[in-house]
Amino acid sequence: MTTKKVAPKQTPTKKKAPVKRTVRKVTPVTPTPTFVNSAKTPVSMVDKAIDLIKWVDTPFKLFEVILLASLFFFGYFAWDSRVVILEAITHSNKVTNLKETNLLVPVAISLQKDLDAVTVVVHKASLVVNSRTTLLALGSKGTRDNTLDGLNSSLFNKDPIRNAAIIAMLNGEVYCDKLENTGKSSEWEIKQGATFICRGGVPPEIGDFDGYISVGFKTEPNDLPSVKTRINLASSEMSR
């Protein structure tokens, strides 16, 4: 009797359920706008300059712009050098003063000959009222020219070269630089043939300032230290 083998039943394979993937929603980031200060961009500065030019359509407006610019410059300069200026004003109450004009003339003539200068001009100064008065002027021929006597002008003004020279003299220095036409005094010096100028305070000590000497040359001297020493010597002779 033959026994039939019964094949084992196959258990059906269960299908795995699909895995649900969680997808995170990404919110798009809006870039933060960068604000540019238009006041500092070159284009806006040019636009403002053009607008200013368009606004200045009368001589009165032009004068107003020039006046405001001058006041702003002088105010900034005065604030930047306030310590030196205030110290000099404090010392201005001392007895140290310029000698009489007739006593200044021989000192100026000797200075002009020793330095072979074309001009020598002596100014009296007042820091309290910001004024400068011309006392005497020697021309290229070594003779006194009275056309500048008594000429009044401001000590500090919009000219940066003169302002720098005043501050240097308040610090006891002799300031030398190319001569620029900034007024009647410098215009006269240029006509006399001066192209280079050295200025020294009277007296030469730091903080004392009653005026200054302006010495004009045809060209820049080769030995500036010797020139400055000679100017300081004349400055001492001109003060009481």
Protein backbone atom coordinates (compact mmCIF):
# COMPACT_ATOMS: atom_id res chain seq x y z
CA MET A 1 0.00 0.00 0.00
CA THR A 2 1.53 3.15 -1.16
CA THR A 3 1.42 6.23 1.11
CA LYS A 4 0.99 9.60 -0.61
CA LYS A 5 3.11 12.42 0.66
CA VAL A 6 1.13 15.50 1.30
CA ALA A 7 3.01 18.67 0.42
CA PRO A 8 3.04 21.21 3.23
CA LYS A 9 0.84 24.21 2.76
CA GLN A 10 2.69 27.35 1.95
CA THR A 11 1.87 30.26 4.14
CA PRO A 12 1.18 33.26 1.96
CA THR A 13 3.72 36.01 2.43
CA LYS A 14 2.18 39.12 3.85
CA LYS A 15 2.97 42.23 1.92
CA LYS A 16 4.46 45.00 3.98
CA ALA A 17 2.46 48.10 4.09
CA PRO A 18 4.21 51.02 2.40
CA VAL A 19 6.06 53.31 4.82
CA LYS A 20 4.65 56.75 4.83
CA ARG A 21 7.42 59.31 4.63
CA THR A 22 6.80 62.55 6.42
CA VAL A 23 7.68 65.43 4.20
CA ARG A 24 8.51 68.67 6.06
CA LYS A 25 7.20 71.71 4.36
CA VAL A 26 9.92 74.29 3.85
CA THR A 27 8.70 77.82 3.98
CA PRO A 28 10.62 79.94 1.49
CA VAL A 29 12.67 82.63 3.22
CA THR A 30 12.12 86.09 1.87
CA PRO A 31 15.45 87.92 1.73
CA THR A 32 15.58 90.95 3.99
CA PRO A 33 15.92 94.03 1.86
CA THR A 34 19.11 96.00 2.43
CA PHE A 35 18.50 99.67 2.73
CA VAL A 36 21.26 101.87 1.40
CA ASN A 37 21.70 105.26 2.91
CA SER A 38 21.19 107.34 -0.18
CA ALA A 39 22.64 110.37 1.55
CA LYS A 40 26.11 108.87 1.36
CA THR A 41 26.05 107.53 -2.15
CA PRO A 42 28.00 109.45 -4.78
CA VAL A 43 24.97 109.67 -7.04
CA SER A 44 22.84 111.36 -4.38
CA MET A 45 25.66 113.78 -3.53
CA VAL A 46 25.88 114.77 -7.18
CA ASP A 47 22.10 115.19 -7.31
CA LYS A 48 22.20 117.45 -4.25
CA ALA A 49 24.99 119.49 -5.76
CA ILE A 50 22.98 119.90 -8.97
CA ASP A 51 19.91 120.91 -6.94
CA LEU A 52 22.02 123.47 -5.07
CA ILE A 53 23.31 124.91 -8.33
CA LYS A 54 19.74 125.15 -9.63
CA TRP A 55 18.65 126.86 -6.41
CA VAL A 56 21.37 129.52 -6.66
CA ASP A 57 19.70 131.63 -9.30
CA THR A 58 20.32 135.09 -7.81
CA PRO A 59 23.43 136.92 -6.56
CA PHE A 60 21.87 137.09 -3.07
CA LYS A 61 21.54 133.29 -2.85
CA LEU A 62 25.12 132.87 -4.07
CA PHE A 63 26.35 135.24 -1.36
CA GLU A 64 24.30 133.32 1.23
CA VAL A 65 25.89 129.98 0.25
CA ILE A 66 29.41 131.42 0.35
CA LEU A 67 28.77 133.03 3.74
CA LEU A 68 27.39 129.84 5.29
CA ALA A 69 30.28 127.77 3.92
CA SER A 70 32.81 130.26 5.33
CA LEU A 71 31.16 130.29 8.75
CA PHE A 72 31.05 126.48 8.85
CA PHE A 73 34.73 126.18 7.93
CA PHE A 74 35.87 128.78 10.45
CA GLY A 75 33.70 127.26 13.18
CA TYR A 76 35.18 123.80 12.62
CA PHE A 77 38.71 125.19 12.49
CA ALA A 78 38.25 127.24 15.66
CA TRP A 79 36.84 124.23 17.53
CA ASP A 80 39.66 121.96 16.36
CA SER A 81 42.32 124.46 17.60
CA ARG A 82 40.37 125.78 20.60
CA VAL A 83 43.00 124.86 23.22
CA VAL A 84 45.80 126.77 21.51
CA ILE A 85 43.60 129.78 20.76
CA LEU A 86 42.16 130.02 24.28
CA GLU A 87 45.61 129.76 25.85
CA ALA A 88 46.90 132.57 23.63
CA ILE A 89 43.90 134.75 24.48
CA THR A 90 44.59 134.20 28.18
CA HIS A 91 48.21 135.32 27.73
CA SER A 92 47.20 138.33 25.63
CA ASN A 93 46.53 140.32 28.81
CA LYS A 94 50.24 140.41 29.60
CA VAL A 95 52.40 143.52 29.20
CA THR A 96 54.31 142.00 26.26
CA ASN A 97 53.44 144.20 23.27
CA LEU A 98 54.85 145.41 19.99
CA LYS A 99 57.13 148.41 20.10
CA GLU A 100 56.17 151.68 18.43
CA THR A 101 56.22 151.62 14.63
CA ASN A 102 59.23 153.96 14.35
CA LEU A 103 61.23 151.47 16.42
CA LEU A 104 60.12 148.55 14.24
CA VAL A 105 61.42 150.06 10.99
CA PRO A 106 65.19 149.65 11.62
CA VAL A 107 64.66 146.07 12.81
CA ALA A 108 62.68 145.26 9.65
CA ILE A 109 65.31 146.86 7.39
CA SER A 110 68.10 144.85 9.03
CA LEU A 111 66.05 141.65 8.70
CA GLN A 112 65.40 142.27 5.01
CA LYS A 113 69.10 142.84 4.28
CA ASP A 114 70.29 139.79 6.22
CA LEU A 115 67.85 137.43 4.52
CA ASP A 116 67.96 139.06 1.07
CA ALA A 117 64.16 139.22 1.18
CA VAL A 118 62.00 141.18 -1.25
CA THR A 119 59.37 142.17 1.34
CA VAL A 120 58.94 142.52 5.09
CA VAL A 121 55.49 143.25 6.51
CA VAL A 122 54.66 143.66 10.20
CA HIS A 123 51.12 143.11 11.45
CA LYS A 124 49.57 143.82 14.82
CA ALA A 125 47.07 141.16 15.89
CA SER A 126 44.25 140.80 18.38
CA LEU A 127 42.92 137.31 19.08
CA VAL A 128 40.09 138.65 21.22
CA VAL A 129 38.39 140.40 18.29
CA ASN A 130 40.02 138.32 15.52
CA SER A 131 41.62 141.32 13.80
CA ARG A 132 44.89 142.12 12.07
CA THR A 133 46.27 145.61 11.41
CA THR A 134 49.26 146.26 9.15
CA LEU A 135 51.85 148.52 10.80
CA LEU A 136 54.56 148.75 8.14
CA ALA A 137 55.69 147.26 4.83
CA LEU A 138 59.11 147.25 3.18
CA GLY A 139 59.15 146.80 -0.61
CA SER A 140 61.61 145.15 -2.96
CA LYS A 141 63.88 148.21 -3.03
CA GLY A 142 64.22 148.25 0.75
CA THR A 143 62.08 151.33 1.16
CA ARG A 144 58.92 151.68 3.21
CA ASP A 145 55.62 151.62 1.34
CA ASN A 146 52.81 153.38 3.21
CA THR A 147 49.99 152.01 1.05
CA LEU A 148 49.35 149.14 3.49
CA ASP A 149 49.64 151.16 6.71
CA GLY A 150 46.55 150.76 8.88
CA LEU A 151 45.02 148.03 6.69
CA ASN A 152 42.52 146.05 8.79
CA SER A 153 41.45 142.48 8.09
CA SER A 154 40.44 139.34 9.97
CA LEU A 155 43.16 137.26 11.61
CA PHE A 156 41.47 133.90 11.02
CA ASN A 157 39.49 133.58 7.83
CA LYS A 158 38.51 131.00 5.20
CA ASP A 159 42.11 130.69 3.96
CA PRO A 160 43.47 127.40 5.41
CA ILE A 161 47.11 128.42 4.80
CA ARG A 162 46.85 131.58 6.88
CA ASN A 163 44.92 129.75 9.61
CA ALA A 164 47.58 127.05 9.78
CA ALA A 165 50.27 129.74 9.96
CA ILE A 166 48.51 131.50 12.86
CA ILE A 167 48.22 128.27 14.84
CA ALA A 168 51.89 127.46 14.18
CA MET A 169 52.95 130.91 15.40
CA LEU A 170 50.81 130.49 18.53
CA ASN A 171 52.89 127.37 19.17
CA GLY A 172 56.11 129.37 18.82
CA GLU A 173 56.94 128.19 15.30
CA VAL A 174 57.95 130.07 12.14
CA TYR A 175 55.65 128.94 9.34
CA CYS A 176 56.96 128.91 5.75
CA ASP A 177 54.99 128.11 2.61
CA LYS A 178 54.28 129.20 -0.95
CA LEU A 179 52.67 132.62 -1.18
CA GLU A 180 49.01 132.62 -2.24
CA ASN A 181 46.95 135.67 -3.13
CA THR A 182 44.38 135.82 -0.32
CA GLY A 183 44.00 139.58 0.21
CA LYS A 184 45.44 143.04 -0.29
CA SER A 185 48.57 142.33 1.74
CA SER A 186 49.51 139.14 -0.12
CA GLU A 187 48.57 140.76 -3.43
CA TRP A 188 51.01 143.59 -2.68
CA GLU A 189 53.76 141.09 -1.76
CA ILE A 190 53.25 139.19 -5.02
CA LYS A 191 53.55 142.43 -7.00
CA GLN A 192 56.88 143.02 -5.27
CA GLY A 193 58.13 139.69 -6.65
CA ALA A 194 57.57 137.37 -3.65
CA THR A 195 56.58 133.75 -4.30
CA PHE A 196 57.54 132.21 -0.94
CA ILE A 197 56.76 133.50 2.52
CA CYS A 198 57.78 132.90 6.14
CA ARG A 199 55.74 134.14 9.10
CA GLY A 200 56.95 134.49 12.69
CA GLY A 201 54.97 135.57 15.75
CA VAL A 202 55.88 138.59 17.88
CA PRO A 203 57.09 137.74 20.46
CA PRO A 204 58.35 134.27 19.47
CA GLU A 205 57.44 132.60 22.76
CA ILE A 206 54.66 130.00 22.87
CA GLY A 207 51.29 131.43 23.90
CA ASP A 208 52.24 135.11 23.52
CA PHE A 209 50.96 136.66 20.32
CA ASP A 210 50.74 140.41 19.73
CA GLY A 211 51.41 140.29 15.98
CA TYR A 212 53.70 138.72 13.42
CA ILE A 213 56.35 139.36 10.80
CA SER A 214 55.77 138.29 7.20
CA VAL A 215 58.96 137.91 5.13
CA GLY A 216 58.67 137.37 1.36
CA PHE A 217 61.28 135.77 -0.92
CA LYS A 218 61.63 135.44 -4.69
CA THR A 219 62.26 131.71 -4.28
CA GLU A 220 62.33 129.30 -1.38
CA PRO A 221 65.55 129.84 0.68
CA ASN A 222 68.05 126.99 0.75
CA ASP A 223 68.65 127.22 4.51
CA LEU A 224 65.22 127.52 6.10
CA PRO A 225 66.42 126.77 9.68
CA SER A 226 68.76 129.79 9.54
CA VAL A 227 65.95 131.94 8.10
CA LYS A 228 63.62 130.94 10.92
CA THR A 229 66.28 131.67 13.56
CA ARG A 230 66.88 135.15 12.10
CA ILE A 231 63.12 135.87 12.05
CA ASN A 232 62.81 134.84 15.70
CA LEU A 233 65.70 137.17 16.57
CA ALA A 234 63.96 140.09 14.84
CA SER A 235 60.71 139.15 16.56
CA SER A 236 62.37 139.41 19.96
CA GLU A 237 63.78 142.82 19.04
CA MET A 238 60.32 144.05 18.02
CA SER A 239 58.67 143.17 21.33
CA ARG A 240 59.00 145.12 24.55
